[in-house]
Protein backbone atom coordinates (compact mmCIF):
# COMPACT_ATOMS: atom_id res chain seq x y z
CA UNK A 1 -234.39 -90.75 43.54
CA UNK A 2 -235.55 -87.13 43.01
CA UNK A 3 -236.20 -86.96 39.17
CA UNK A 4 -234.81 -83.53 37.08
CA UNK A 5 -236.75 -82.24 34.71
CA UNK A 6 -236.77 -84.01 31.05
CA UNK A 7 -234.69 -81.89 28.88
CA UNK A 8 -236.54 -81.07 25.48
CA UNK A 9 -236.45 -83.33 22.19
CA UNK A 10 -234.56 -80.10 20.60
CA UNK A 11 -233.35 -76.62 20.86
CA UNK A 12 -232.27 -74.28 18.38
CA UNK A 13 -228.35 -72.73 18.49
CA UNK A 14 -227.63 -69.28 17.07
CA UNK A 15 -224.27 -68.68 15.71
CA UNK A 16 -223.04 -64.82 17.34
CA UNK A 17 -219.33 -65.28 16.03
CA UNK A 18 -219.72 -62.50 13.09
CA UNK A 19 -221.71 -60.35 15.40
CA UNK A 20 -221.82 -60.51 19.05
CA UNK A 21 -218.51 -62.64 19.10
CA UNK A 22 -216.58 -59.65 16.86
CA UNK A 23 -217.93 -56.79 18.23
CA UNK A 24 -215.45 -56.06 20.77
CA UNK A 25 -212.50 -57.42 19.08
CA UNK A 26 -209.79 -55.25 18.40
CA UNK A 27 -209.36 -55.97 15.03
CA UNK A 28 -211.49 -55.77 11.94
CA UNK A 29 -211.63 -59.41 10.47
CA UNK A 30 -211.49 -59.31 6.71
CA UNK A 31 -214.89 -59.62 4.94
CA UNK A 32 -214.00 -63.15 2.93
CA UNK A 33 -212.65 -64.25 6.46
CA UNK A 34 -215.93 -63.64 8.27
CA UNK A 35 -217.59 -65.11 5.37
CA UNK A 36 -215.79 -68.20 5.48
CA UNK A 37 -216.72 -69.05 9.01
CA UNK A 38 -220.32 -68.38 8.38
CA UNK A 39 -220.45 -70.36 5.39
CA UNK A 40 -218.61 -73.34 7.61
CA UNK A 41 -221.49 -72.96 10.33
CA UNK A 42 -223.84 -73.04 7.82
CA UNK A 43 -222.53 -76.39 6.57
CA UNK A 44 -222.20 -77.92 10.42
CA UNK A 45 -226.47 -77.27 10.33
CA UNK A 46 -226.68 -73.95 12.23
CA UNK A 47 -229.78 -72.51 11.36
CA UNK A 48 -229.84 -69.41 12.80
CA UNK A 49 -226.94 -66.68 12.64
CA UNK A 50 -226.58 -63.22 14.41
CA UNK A 51 -224.57 -61.90 11.28
CA UNK A 52 -223.98 -58.48 11.74
CA UNK A 53 -224.68 -55.00 13.33
CA UNK A 54 -226.31 -52.15 11.59
CA UNK A 55 -224.30 -49.49 12.96
CA UNK A 56 -222.77 -46.17 11.54
CA UNK A 57 -219.13 -47.57 10.31
CA UNK A 58 -217.65 -44.63 12.11
CA UNK A 59 -218.83 -46.14 15.51
CA UNK A 60 -218.17 -50.12 14.53
CA UNK A 61 -215.65 -50.31 11.76
CA UNK A 62 -215.67 -54.18 12.08
CA UNK A 63 -219.28 -54.17 10.56
CA UNK A 64 -218.54 -51.54 7.64
CA UNK A 65 -218.95 -54.69 5.54
CA UNK A 66 -222.61 -55.79 6.78
CA UNK A 67 -223.89 -55.60 3.01
CA UNK A 68 -221.41 -57.56 1.52
CA UNK A 69 -221.36 -60.14 4.29
CA UNK A 70 -225.20 -60.39 4.48
CA UNK A 71 -225.12 -60.69 0.55
CA UNK A 72 -222.78 -63.55 0.63
CA UNK A 73 -224.88 -65.28 3.46
CA UNK A 74 -228.23 -65.06 2.00
CA UNK A 75 -226.50 -67.06 -1.02
CA UNK A 76 -225.16 -69.76 0.86
CA UNK A 77 -228.35 -70.22 3.00
CA UNK A 78 -230.48 -69.88 0.30
CA UNK A 79 -232.92 -72.76 0.35
CA UNK A 80 -231.37 -74.38 3.46
CA UNK A 81 -234.20 -72.62 5.86
CA UNK A 82 -231.66 -70.05 7.46
CA UNK A 83 -232.78 -67.97 10.30
CA UNK A 84 -230.71 -64.34 9.55
CA UNK A 85 -230.49 -62.11 12.53
CA UNK A 86 -229.17 -58.39 12.47
CA UNK A 87 -228.41 -55.78 15.28
CA UNK A 88 -230.13 -52.42 14.69
CA UNK A 89 -229.77 -50.06 17.45
CA UNK A 90 -232.36 -47.65 17.03
CA UNK A 91 -234.94 -46.90 14.23
CA UNK A 92 -233.00 -45.77 11.42
CA UNK A 93 -230.95 -49.55 11.96
CA UNK A 94 -233.84 -51.04 11.12
CA UNK A 95 -235.15 -48.96 8.08
CA UNK A 96 -231.77 -50.04 6.66
CA UNK A 97 -232.35 -53.44 7.66
CA UNK A 98 -235.62 -53.04 5.71
CA UNK A 99 -233.64 -51.66 2.77
CA UNK A 100 -230.99 -54.56 2.73
CA UNK A 101 -233.57 -56.98 2.80
CA UNK A 102 -235.56 -55.63 -0.32
CA UNK A 103 -232.75 -55.55 -1.57
CA UNK A 104 -230.81 -58.99 -0.76
CA UNK A 105 -233.68 -60.85 0.48
CA UNK A 106 -231.39 -61.82 3.24
CA UNK A 107 -232.74 -60.66 6.70
CA UNK A 108 -235.70 -62.73 8.62
CA UNK A 109 -234.94 -61.30 12.01
CA UNK A 110 -234.28 -57.70 13.21
CA UNK A 111 -232.62 -57.57 16.93
CA UNK A 112 -232.04 -54.28 19.55
CA UNK A 113 -231.04 -54.31 23.09
CA UNK A 114 -232.37 -52.80 26.29
CA UNK A 115 -231.30 -53.20 29.76
CA UNK A 116 -233.25 -53.86 32.32
CA UNK A 117 -231.16 -51.52 34.68
CA UNK A 118 -231.91 -48.05 33.54
CA UNK A 119 -228.24 -47.01 34.38
CA UNK A 120 -226.95 -49.40 32.03
CA UNK A 121 -229.38 -48.36 28.89
CA UNK A 122 -227.92 -44.78 29.65
CA UNK A 123 -224.20 -45.81 29.56
CA UNK A 124 -224.97 -47.74 26.64
CA UNK A 125 -227.69 -46.64 24.27
CA UNK A 126 -227.68 -42.97 25.71
CA UNK A 127 -231.29 -43.26 26.64
CA UNK A 128 -233.84 -43.18 29.30
CA UNK A 129 -236.11 -46.30 29.33
CA UNK A 130 -238.94 -43.92 28.49
CA UNK A 131 -236.97 -42.68 25.56
CA UNK A 132 -236.20 -46.23 24.30
CA UNK A 133 -239.14 -47.82 24.86
CA UNK A 134 -240.74 -45.16 22.47
CA UNK A 135 -238.43 -45.73 19.68
CA UNK A 136 -238.97 -49.94 20.17
CA UNK A 137 -242.63 -49.13 19.67
CA UNK A 138 -241.56 -47.40 16.04
CA UNK A 139 -238.93 -50.21 15.62
CA UNK A 140 -241.21 -53.44 15.72
CA UNK A 141 -243.74 -51.25 13.53
CA UNK A 142 -241.24 -50.54 10.71
CA UNK A 143 -239.97 -54.16 10.99
CA UNK A 144 -243.22 -56.28 11.13
CA UNK A 145 -244.42 -53.96 8.31
CA UNK A 146 -241.84 -55.03 6.32
CA UNK A 147 -242.51 -58.67 7.38
CA UNK A 148 -239.73 -59.15 9.41
CA UNK A 149 -239.37 -60.79 12.80
CA UNK A 150 -238.19 -58.54 16.14
CA UNK A 151 -235.84 -60.16 18.91
CA UNK A 152 -235.53 -58.10 21.88
CA UNK A 153 -232.29 -58.44 24.03
CA UNK A 154 -233.22 -57.57 27.43
CA UNK A 155 -229.70 -56.69 29.12
CA UNK A 156 -228.86 -56.79 32.13
CA UNK A 157 -231.46 -58.92 33.72
CA UNK A 158 -229.27 -61.13 36.00
CA UNK A 159 -227.56 -57.99 37.63
CA UNK A 160 -225.99 -54.66 36.25
CA UNK A 161 -221.91 -53.60 36.08
CA UNK A 162 -222.84 -50.35 37.12
CA UNK A 163 -225.56 -50.57 39.72
CA UNK A 164 -225.42 -54.00 40.92
CA UNK A 165 -228.54 -56.24 41.63
CA UNK A 166 -231.62 -55.68 39.47
CA UNK A 167 -234.68 -56.62 40.68
CA UNK A 168 -236.45 -59.56 39.50
CA UNK A 169 -239.82 -57.51 39.41
CA UNK A 170 -238.24 -54.64 37.13
CA UNK A 171 -236.76 -57.38 34.50
CA UNK A 172 -240.36 -58.68 34.26
CA UNK A 173 -241.99 -55.58 34.12
CA UNK A 174 -239.37 -54.53 30.63
CA UNK A 175 -240.12 -58.03 29.62
CA UNK A 176 -244.02 -57.29 29.60
CA UNK A 177 -243.56 -53.83 27.72
CA UNK A 178 -241.93 -55.25 25.19
CA UNK A 179 -244.71 -58.21 24.59
CA UNK A 180 -247.50 -55.42 24.72
CA UNK A 181 -245.44 -53.06 22.10
CA UNK A 182 -245.04 -56.40 19.86
CA UNK A 183 -241.49 -58.15 20.12
CA UNK A 184 -242.01 -61.48 19.10
CA UNK A 185 -238.86 -62.90 20.87
CA UNK A 186 -237.02 -62.00 24.10
CA UNK A 187 -233.31 -62.61 25.44
CA UNK A 188 -233.03 -62.81 28.78
CA UNK A 189 -229.85 -61.35 28.91
CA UNK A 190 -226.78 -62.42 31.15
CA UNK A 191 -224.73 -59.27 29.98
CA UNK A 192 -221.72 -59.86 32.47
CA UNK A 193 -221.92 -62.96 33.76
CA UNK A 194 -223.90 -62.74 37.04
CA UNK A 195 -226.37 -65.34 36.45
CA UNK A 196 -226.48 -68.63 38.10
CA UNK A 197 -228.27 -71.66 37.35
CA UNK A 198 -231.11 -71.42 40.00
CA UNK A 199 -232.27 -67.91 38.47
CA UNK A 200 -231.22 -68.57 35.03
CA UNK A 201 -233.87 -71.50 35.23
CA UNK A 202 -236.31 -69.69 37.45
CA UNK A 203 -236.71 -66.39 35.08
CA UNK A 204 -236.78 -68.83 32.07
CA UNK A 205 -239.84 -70.45 33.58
CA UNK A 206 -241.22 -67.64 34.84
CA UNK A 207 -241.00 -66.19 31.42
CA UNK A 208 -242.83 -69.38 29.57
CA UNK A 209 -245.16 -69.75 32.05
CA UNK A 210 -246.12 -66.01 31.75
CA UNK A 211 -245.82 -65.48 28.25
CA UNK A 212 -246.22 -69.22 26.29
CA UNK A 213 -246.44 -67.47 23.06
CA UNK A 214 -243.16 -65.30 23.01
CA UNK A 215 -240.09 -67.61 22.29
CA UNK A 216 -237.40 -67.57 24.80
CA UNK A 217 -233.58 -66.94 24.24
CA UNK A 218 -231.17 -68.30 26.30
CA UNK A 219 -228.14 -66.01 26.12
CA UNK A 220 -225.53 -66.46 28.84
CA UNK A 221 -221.66 -65.22 29.19
CA UNK A 222 -219.26 -66.76 30.96
CA UNK A 223 -217.54 -64.28 32.69
CA UNK A 224 -217.35 -66.16 35.91
CA UNK A 225 -217.48 -69.91 34.25
CA UNK A 226 -221.20 -70.27 34.93
CA UNK A 227 -222.12 -70.02 31.14
CA UNK A 228 -223.00 -73.21 30.16
CA UNK A 229 -224.35 -74.42 33.77
CA UNK A 230 -226.85 -71.46 33.26
CA UNK A 231 -227.74 -72.28 29.28
CA UNK A 232 -228.77 -75.61 30.41
CA UNK A 233 -230.80 -74.40 33.14
CA UNK A 234 -232.74 -71.93 30.62
CA UNK A 235 -232.75 -75.02 28.30
CA UNK A 236 -234.39 -77.17 30.61
CA UNK A 237 -236.84 -74.44 31.70
CA UNK A 238 -238.25 -73.60 28.27
CA UNK A 239 -235.88 -71.81 26.23
CA UNK A 240 -236.15 -72.67 22.50
CA UNK A 241 -233.27 -71.49 21.41
CA UNK A 242 -230.08 -70.70 22.47
CA UNK A 243 -227.35 -67.69 21.59
CA UNK A 244 -223.79 -68.98 21.83
CA UNK A 245 -220.33 -68.18 19.70
CA UNK A 246 -217.82 -70.21 18.58
CA UNK A 247 -214.82 -70.07 20.60
CA UNK A 248 -216.64 -68.30 23.29
CA UNK A 249 -215.43 -64.89 22.71
CA UNK A 250 -217.13 -61.29 22.67
CA UNK A 251 -219.53 -59.99 25.14
CA UNK A 252 -220.07 -56.35 26.26
CA UNK A 253 -218.37 -53.84 24.36
CA UNK A 254 -215.52 -52.14 25.73
CA UNK A 255 -217.13 -48.50 25.46
CA UNK A 256 -219.93 -49.46 28.00
CA UNK A 257 -218.96 -47.74 31.31
CA UNK A 258 -217.51 -49.56 33.88
CA UNK A 259 -217.29 -52.74 31.48
CA UNK A 260 -213.97 -53.96 33.41
CA UNK A 261 -211.24 -55.83 31.49
CA UNK A 262 -210.91 -59.20 32.00
CA UNK A 263 -214.45 -60.09 31.39
CA UNK A 264 -215.03 -63.38 29.19
CA UNK A 265 -217.58 -63.43 26.21
CA UNK A 266 -220.53 -65.52 25.24
CA UNK A 267 -220.59 -69.28 26.05
CA UNK A 268 -218.97 -71.42 23.44
CA UNK A 269 -221.00 -72.94 20.62
CA UNK A 270 -218.72 -76.30 20.82
CA UNK A 271 -219.10 -76.92 24.64
CA UNK A 272 -222.58 -75.82 24.17
CA UNK A 273 -223.53 -78.68 21.16
CA UNK A 274 -221.67 -80.89 22.84
CA UNK A 275 -223.47 -80.67 25.81
CA UNK A 276 -226.86 -80.60 24.47
CA UNK A 277 -226.43 -84.07 22.13
CA UNK A 278 -224.77 -86.01 25.06
CA UNK A 279 -227.76 -84.82 27.18
CA UNK A 280 -230.08 -86.09 23.87
CA UNK A 281 -231.39 -82.89 22.96
CA UNK A 282 -231.02 -82.78 18.95
CA UNK A 283 -229.33 -79.61 17.57
CA UNK A 284 -229.61 -80.61 13.91
CA UNK A 285 -225.31 -79.91 14.05
CA UNK A 286 -223.12 -82.29 12.94
CA UNK A 287 -220.50 -81.56 15.61
CA UNK A 288 -217.16 -82.60 13.69
CA UNK A 289 -218.33 -79.88 11.05
CA UNK A 290 -218.90 -77.58 13.67
CA UNK A 291 -215.29 -78.26 15.97
CA UNK A 292 -213.61 -77.49 12.31
CA UNK A 293 -215.55 -73.89 12.17
CA UNK A 294 -214.50 -73.08 15.47
CA UNK A 295 -210.92 -73.74 14.47
CA UNK A 296 -211.38 -71.72 11.57
CA UNK A 297 -212.32 -68.83 13.67
CA UNK A 298 -209.17 -69.39 16.20
CA UNK A 299 -207.30 -69.29 12.65
CA UNK A 300 -208.70 -66.19 11.73
CA UNK A 301 -208.23 -64.26 15.01
CA UNK A 302 -204.82 -65.88 15.75
CA UNK A 303 -205.63 -66.84 18.91
CA UNK A 304 -207.26 -69.97 20.51
CA UNK A 305 -210.64 -69.63 21.95
CA UNK A 306 -212.23 -70.68 25.10
CA UNK A 307 -214.07 -73.50 23.96
CA UNK A 308 -213.39 -76.73 26.27
CA UNK A 309 -214.16 -79.47 23.78
CA UNK A 310 -211.81 -78.31 20.84
CA UNK A 311 -208.78 -79.26 23.40
CA UNK A 312 -210.28 -82.51 24.83
CA UNK A 313 -212.87 -83.56 21.87
CA UNK A 314 -216.53 -83.93 22.25
CA UNK A 315 -216.34 -87.70 24.05
CA UNK A 316 -219.07 -88.79 22.07
CA UNK A 317 -217.45 -91.63 19.77
CA UNK A 318 -218.33 -91.93 16.08
CA UNK A 319 -220.99 -89.01 16.70
CA UNK A 320 -221.28 -87.39 13.86
CA UNK A 321 -224.02 -84.92 14.62
CA UNK A 322 -227.76 -85.06 15.54
CA UNK A 323 -228.49 -88.46 14.21
CA UNK A 324 -230.59 -90.28 16.31
């Protein structure tokens, strides 16, 4: 019998509900409700959170309460080793992150996107690759000077909704440029669910082998039902962190050109956590509390999420989380 790759002993989960999950949500969620879900996630054992986006409120009213949410998370996560990530799409966003961290002590990580597809980068961020890389260099320098970690979301790594296929060498050329600039961690982002487990595993394995000192994050969307399989392939290949979202909501904002209706969101945190635990991969998460956090998110959204295990149960009799 052919032996499959041995899974890692543990992997980190980053909960993205309050940022990537809500960025395309049609209604602005009240601040206290966002905080309640984040607090529930921390209580379940989640130790990395993609909390909010530092963009002007006129462009993203959902994140007008960024400072209030960060202040609350800083208080709830104090002493628990919770890594707090924010999205800063430009230099001013990084500068604001630095200012907020000096005030609140709440931020550990600044994330920013760049697309492997230049057409998508122009549609999403209104910049060519050359323009954007020049700004990212300044963003990384500003973040590092303030003691903040940097993460880059390398979007459309597995295909572009505008141009179609993105060559593998284009993806890794961009990843190499980001690493040369000094980016600490990179996510090979499956922006609209075009990945498959073979490429997800192969790309992650190549990334880990070529750049072992860089942290690699699995970030997959479930647009075509392959998100959890792709995530598992990336974990087997060496990804040390998984991005996921309670209920599997979110995904690419509808403002991006040719982002068509009906696209589903991120992979479900509940489903990924159960998969990992069933496979013997420790996450540090108490599954019963995680499912309760997911139900709270559904209540706040006023609609059921896409988690399968919320409907079926974990299948782990008496399992309370990562206790083995």
